[in-house]
């Protein structure tokens, strides 16, 4: 199964910048719908596409392995 680390990335960015980062901010800056981001963050086994992953990597300035990780079932 693929596990998305969106919540962790948001928390890390907020810590590094000394402020609160919200899903609404990520949605606005990336163009990814807020509902999609919520599903990525909260829904186990959610499937998304490479365009969304690319936008998240760009926004957080991380590699794909920082956004998603493989976990054996």
C-alpha atoms as a PDB file:
ATOM      1  CA  UNK A   1       0.000   0.000   0.000  1.00  0.00           C
ATOM      2  CA  UNK A   2       1.102   3.569  -0.645  1.00  0.00           C
ATOM      3  CA  UNK A   3       0.978   5.902   2.347  1.00  0.00           C
ATOM      4  CA  UNK A   4       0.884   9.635   1.747  1.00  0.00           C
ATOM      5  CA  UNK A   5       2.733  11.873   4.181  1.00  0.00           C
ATOM      6  CA  UNK A   6       0.775  15.070   3.531  1.00  0.00           C
ATOM      7  CA  UNK A   7      -0.014  15.769   7.185  1.00  0.00           C
ATOM      8  CA  UNK A   8       3.636  15.399   8.127  1.00  0.00           C
ATOM      9  CA  UNK A   9       4.760  17.649   5.269  1.00  0.00           C
ATOM     10  CA  UNK A  10       2.298  20.351   6.307  1.00  0.00           C
ATOM     11  CA  UNK A  11       3.472  20.118   9.931  1.00  0.00           C
ATOM     12  CA  UNK A  12       7.151  20.223   8.907  1.00  0.00           C
ATOM     13  CA  UNK A  13       6.633  23.249   6.659  1.00  0.00           C
ATOM     14  CA  UNK A  14       4.766  25.052   9.411  1.00  0.00           C
ATOM     15  CA  UNK A  15       7.526  24.294  11.913  1.00  0.00           C
ATOM     16  CA  UNK A  16      10.286  25.423   9.547  1.00  0.00           C
ATOM     17  CA  UNK A  17       8.480  28.657   8.703  1.00  0.00           C
ATOM     18  CA  UNK A  18       7.261  29.311  12.250  1.00  0.00           C
ATOM     19  CA  UNK A  19       3.620  29.565  11.270  1.00  0.00           C
ATOM     20  CA  UNK A  20       0.493  27.488  10.689  1.00  0.00           C
ATOM     21  CA  UNK A  21       0.185  25.964   7.207  1.00  0.00           C
ATOM     22  CA  UNK A  22      -3.307  24.823   6.230  1.00  0.00           C
ATOM     23  CA  UNK A  23      -4.754  22.494   3.626  1.00  0.00           C
ATOM     24  CA  UNK A  24      -6.549  25.540   2.206  1.00  0.00           C
ATOM     25  CA  UNK A  25      -3.184  27.251   1.662  1.00  0.00           C
ATOM     26  CA  UNK A  26      -1.751  24.153  -0.025  1.00  0.00           C
ATOM     27  CA  UNK A  27      -4.857  23.964  -2.241  1.00  0.00           C
ATOM     28  CA  UNK A  28      -4.582  27.621  -3.241  1.00  0.00           C
ATOM     29  CA  UNK A  29      -0.848  27.479  -3.960  1.00  0.00           C
ATOM     30  CA  UNK A  30      -0.903  24.174  -5.878  1.00  0.00           C
ATOM     31  CA  UNK A  31      -4.254  24.316  -7.652  1.00  0.00           C
ATOM     32  CA  UNK A  32      -5.177  20.942  -6.139  1.00  0.00           C
ATOM     33  CA  UNK A  33      -8.776  20.861  -4.936  1.00  0.00           C
ATOM     34  CA  UNK A  34      -9.123  20.938  -1.156  1.00  0.00           C
ATOM     35  CA  UNK A  35     -11.269  17.783  -1.229  1.00  0.00           C
ATOM     36  CA  UNK A  36      -8.497  15.903  -3.022  1.00  0.00           C
ATOM     37  CA  UNK A  37      -5.951  17.039  -0.446  1.00  0.00           C
ATOM     38  CA  UNK A  38      -8.238  15.992   2.402  1.00  0.00           C
ATOM     39  CA  UNK A  39      -8.661  12.551   0.859  1.00  0.00           C
ATOM     40  CA  UNK A  40      -4.900  12.196   0.394  1.00  0.00           C
ATOM     41  CA  UNK A  41      -4.341  13.189   4.019  1.00  0.00           C
ATOM     42  CA  UNK A  42      -7.114  11.150   5.626  1.00  0.00           C
ATOM     43  CA  UNK A  43      -8.297   8.310   3.425  1.00  0.00           C
ATOM     44  CA  UNK A  44      -6.323   5.088   3.690  1.00  0.00           C
ATOM     45  CA  UNK A  45      -5.544   3.669   0.248  1.00  0.00           C
ATOM     46  CA  UNK A  46      -6.562   6.819  -1.656  1.00  0.00           C
ATOM     47  CA  UNK A  47      -5.386   6.862  -5.266  1.00  0.00           C
ATOM     48  CA  UNK A  48      -4.189   9.972  -7.027  1.00  0.00           C
ATOM     49  CA  UNK A  49      -2.283  10.829 -10.192  1.00  0.00           C
ATOM     50  CA  UNK A  50       1.251  11.913 -10.977  1.00  0.00           C
ATOM     51  CA  UNK A  51       0.207  15.509 -11.704  1.00  0.00           C
ATOM     52  CA  UNK A  52      -0.985  15.911  -8.102  1.00  0.00           C
ATOM     53  CA  UNK A  53       2.180  14.287  -6.766  1.00  0.00           C
ATOM     54  CA  UNK A  54       4.303  16.577  -8.936  1.00  0.00           C
ATOM     55  CA  UNK A  55       2.522  19.669  -7.589  1.00  0.00           C
ATOM     56  CA  UNK A  56       3.000  18.500  -4.000  1.00  0.00           C
ATOM     57  CA  UNK A  57       6.712  17.851  -4.578  1.00  0.00           C
ATOM     58  CA  UNK A  58       7.071  21.320  -6.069  1.00  0.00           C
ATOM     59  CA  UNK A  59       5.154  23.074  -3.274  1.00  0.00           C
ATOM     60  CA  UNK A  60       7.008  21.332  -0.446  1.00  0.00           C
ATOM     61  CA  UNK A  61      10.324  21.222  -2.367  1.00  0.00           C
ATOM     62  CA  UNK A  62      10.802  17.523  -1.676  1.00  0.00           C
ATOM     63  CA  UNK A  63      11.346  14.282  -3.568  1.00  0.00           C
ATOM     64  CA  UNK A  64       8.509  11.868  -4.324  1.00  0.00           C
ATOM     65  CA  UNK A  65       9.709   9.552  -1.543  1.00  0.00           C
ATOM     66  CA  UNK A  66       8.958  12.320   0.941  1.00  0.00           C
ATOM     67  CA  UNK A  67       5.352  12.628  -0.296  1.00  0.00           C
ATOM     68  CA  UNK A  68       4.525   8.922  -0.579  1.00  0.00           C
ATOM     69  CA  UNK A  69       6.014   5.748   0.789  1.00  0.00           C
ATOM     70  CA  UNK A  70       5.392   2.071   0.211  1.00  0.00           C
ATOM     71  CA  UNK A  71       4.218   0.037   3.204  1.00  0.00           C
ATOM     72  CA  UNK A  72       3.635  -3.695   3.026  1.00  0.00           C
ATOM     73  CA  UNK A  73       0.052  -4.695   3.805  1.00  0.00           C
END
